[in-house]
Amino acid sequence: MGKPALKSREGSPPGGFWTSKAFLVCLGFLAVAIVLLWSEHRAHILGAAFWLLLLACPLLHVFMHHGHSGNGSHQRPERGENSPEGDGHE
């Protein structure tokens, strides 16, 4: 007896997991879990929402300003009279 032949993947759609039936099943389970958690824990979630938003502000500040590394890359240099861009007055 020989080895059993492996099934070919010629008929499977390209794209991997994100376009597979397994992804749709996981998406369905995730949707059900979210609905059940929302219905049972709505008061806790809404009570913590304000504090989570407040705690997100410093994190957004750090990540949006890249940690204030002090290299001055976000400062614009002053334009002189001989600048090719000029000062906007003609």
C-alpha atoms as a PDB file:
ATOM      1  CA  MET A   1       0.000   0.000   0.000  1.00  0.00           C
ATOM      2  CA  GLY A   2       1.178   3.489  -0.858  1.00  0.00           C
ATOM      3  CA  LYS A   3       0.623   6.845   0.709  1.00  0.00           C
ATOM      4  CA  PRO A   4      -2.828   8.378   0.279  1.00  0.00           C
ATOM      5  CA  ALA A   5      -2.901  11.154  -2.261  1.00  0.00           C
ATOM      6  CA  LEU A   6      -3.115  14.697  -0.905  1.00  0.00           C
ATOM      7  CA  LYS A   7      -5.995  16.827  -2.091  1.00  0.00           C
ATOM      8  CA  SER A   8      -4.978  19.535  -4.485  1.00  0.00           C
ATOM      9  CA  ARG A   9      -5.732  23.147  -3.688  1.00  0.00           C
ATOM     10  CA  GLU A  10      -6.494  24.129  -7.254  1.00  0.00           C
ATOM     11  CA  GLY A  11     -10.186  24.655  -6.504  1.00  0.00           C
ATOM     12  CA  SER A  12      -9.653  26.778  -3.401  1.00  0.00           C
ATOM     13  CA  PRO A  13     -10.080  30.521  -3.780  1.00  0.00           C
ATOM     14  CA  PRO A  14      -6.978  32.706  -3.442  1.00  0.00           C
ATOM     15  CA  GLY A  15      -6.636  34.937  -0.410  1.00  0.00           C
ATOM     16  CA  GLY A  16      -6.137  32.464   2.406  1.00  0.00           C
ATOM     17  CA  PHE A  17      -7.893  32.764   5.741  1.00  0.00           C
ATOM     18  CA  TRP A  18      -9.586  36.139   5.135  1.00  0.00           C
ATOM     19  CA  THR A  19     -11.759  34.741   2.358  1.00  0.00           C
ATOM     20  CA  SER A  20     -12.321  31.271   3.792  1.00  0.00           C
ATOM     21  CA  LYS A  21     -15.340  29.693   5.459  1.00  0.00           C
ATOM     22  CA  ALA A  22     -13.358  29.454   8.696  1.00  0.00           C
ATOM     23  CA  PHE A  23     -13.090  33.243   8.784  1.00  0.00           C
ATOM     24  CA  LEU A  24     -16.854  33.589   8.374  1.00  0.00           C
ATOM     25  CA  VAL A  25     -17.430  31.122  11.225  1.00  0.00           C
ATOM     26  CA  CYS A  26     -15.009  33.048  13.461  1.00  0.00           C
ATOM     27  CA  LEU A  27     -16.741  36.289  12.493  1.00  0.00           C
ATOM     28  CA  GLY A  28     -20.110  34.793  13.444  1.00  0.00           C
ATOM     29  CA  PHE A  29     -18.846  33.617  16.841  1.00  0.00           C
ATOM     30  CA  LEU A  30     -17.277  37.025  17.446  1.00  0.00           C
ATOM     31  CA  ALA A  31     -20.551  38.797  16.604  1.00  0.00           C
ATOM     32  CA  VAL A  32     -22.513  36.574  18.997  1.00  0.00           C
ATOM     33  CA  ALA A  33     -19.923  37.117  21.750  1.00  0.00           C
ATOM     34  CA  ILE A  34     -20.081  40.897  21.326  1.00  0.00           C
ATOM     35  CA  VAL A  35     -23.891  40.922  21.477  1.00  0.00           C
ATOM     36  CA  LEU A  36     -23.944  38.756  24.608  1.00  0.00           C
ATOM     37  CA  LEU A  37     -21.224  40.760  26.344  1.00  0.00           C
ATOM     38  CA  TRP A  38     -22.962  44.030  25.465  1.00  0.00           C
ATOM     39  CA  SER A  39     -26.323  42.848  26.792  1.00  0.00           C
ATOM     40  CA  GLU A  40     -24.885  41.522  30.072  1.00  0.00           C
ATOM     41  CA  HIS A  41     -22.218  44.144  30.799  1.00  0.00           C
ATOM     42  CA  ARG A  42     -23.625  47.348  29.266  1.00  0.00           C
ATOM     43  CA  ALA A  43     -23.490  49.287  32.556  1.00  0.00           C
ATOM     44  CA  HIS A  44     -19.853  48.363  33.156  1.00  0.00           C
ATOM     45  CA  ILE A  45     -18.812  49.199  29.601  1.00  0.00           C
ATOM     46  CA  LEU A  46     -20.573  52.573  29.549  1.00  0.00           C
ATOM     47  CA  GLY A  47     -19.303  53.398  33.031  1.00  0.00           C
ATOM     48  CA  ALA A  48     -15.711  52.792  31.970  1.00  0.00           C
ATOM     49  CA  ALA A  49     -16.009  54.461  28.549  1.00  0.00           C
ATOM     50  CA  PHE A  50     -15.326  57.960  29.900  1.00  0.00           C
ATOM     51  CA  TRP A  51     -12.225  56.844  31.773  1.00  0.00           C
ATOM     52  CA  LEU A  52     -10.923  54.852  28.804  1.00  0.00           C
ATOM     53  CA  LEU A  53     -11.315  57.905  26.579  1.00  0.00           C
ATOM     54  CA  LEU A  54      -9.561  60.049  29.158  1.00  0.00           C
ATOM     55  CA  LEU A  55      -6.679  57.555  29.428  1.00  0.00           C
ATOM     56  CA  ALA A  56      -6.389  57.380  25.638  1.00  0.00           C
ATOM     57  CA  CYS A  57      -5.580  61.104  25.380  1.00  0.00           C
ATOM     58  CA  PRO A  58      -1.997  60.917  26.757  1.00  0.00           C
ATOM     59  CA  LEU A  59      -1.275  57.856  24.627  1.00  0.00           C
ATOM     60  CA  LEU A  60      -2.502  59.596  21.490  1.00  0.00           C
ATOM     61  CA  HIS A  61      -0.447  62.654  22.385  1.00  0.00           C
ATOM     62  CA  VAL A  62       2.740  60.597  22.752  1.00  0.00           C
ATOM     63  CA  PHE A  63       2.221  58.605  19.567  1.00  0.00           C
ATOM     64  CA  MET A  64       1.078  61.536  17.429  1.00  0.00           C
ATOM     65  CA  HIS A  65       4.019  63.710  18.494  1.00  0.00           C
ATOM     66  CA  HIS A  66       6.494  60.819  18.268  1.00  0.00           C
ATOM     67  CA  GLY A  67       7.562  61.201  21.893  1.00  0.00           C
ATOM     68  CA  HIS A  68       8.799  64.821  21.604  1.00  0.00           C
ATOM     69  CA  SER A  69      12.282  63.673  20.685  1.00  0.00           C
ATOM     70  CA  GLY A  70      13.493  67.281  20.588  1.00  0.00           C
ATOM     71  CA  ASN A  71      15.011  67.220  17.122  1.00  0.00           C
ATOM     72  CA  GLY A  72      12.915  70.193  15.997  1.00  0.00           C
ATOM     73  CA  SER A  73      11.728  68.468  12.831  1.00  0.00           C
ATOM     74  CA  HIS A  74       8.212  69.826  13.209  1.00  0.00           C
ATOM     75  CA  GLN A  75       9.328  73.472  13.419  1.00  0.00           C
ATOM     76  CA  ARG A  76       9.300  75.569  10.263  1.00  0.00           C
ATOM     77  CA  PRO A  77      12.372  77.702   9.536  1.00  0.00           C
ATOM     78  CA  GLU A  78      11.895  81.437   9.153  1.00  0.00           C
ATOM     79  CA  ARG A  79      11.826  82.669   5.578  1.00  0.00           C
ATOM     80  CA  GLY A  80      14.137  85.482   4.621  1.00  0.00           C
ATOM     81  CA  GLU A  81      13.839  88.103   1.882  1.00  0.00           C
ATOM     82  CA  ASN A  82      16.064  86.117  -0.478  1.00  0.00           C
ATOM     83  CA  SER A  83      14.079  82.956   0.012  1.00  0.00           C
ATOM     84  CA  PRO A  84      12.710  81.429  -3.239  1.00  0.00           C
ATOM     85  CA  GLU A  85       9.318  81.099  -1.581  1.00  0.00           C
ATOM     86  CA  GLY A  86       9.205  84.730  -0.528  1.00  0.00           C
ATOM     87  CA  ASP A  87       7.103  86.059   2.281  1.00  0.00           C
ATOM     88  CA  GLY A  88       3.791  86.063   0.433  1.00  0.00           C
ATOM     89  CA  HIS A  89       3.754  89.830  -0.166  1.00  0.00           C
ATOM     90  CA  GLU A  90       4.237  91.262  -3.619  1.00  0.00           C
END
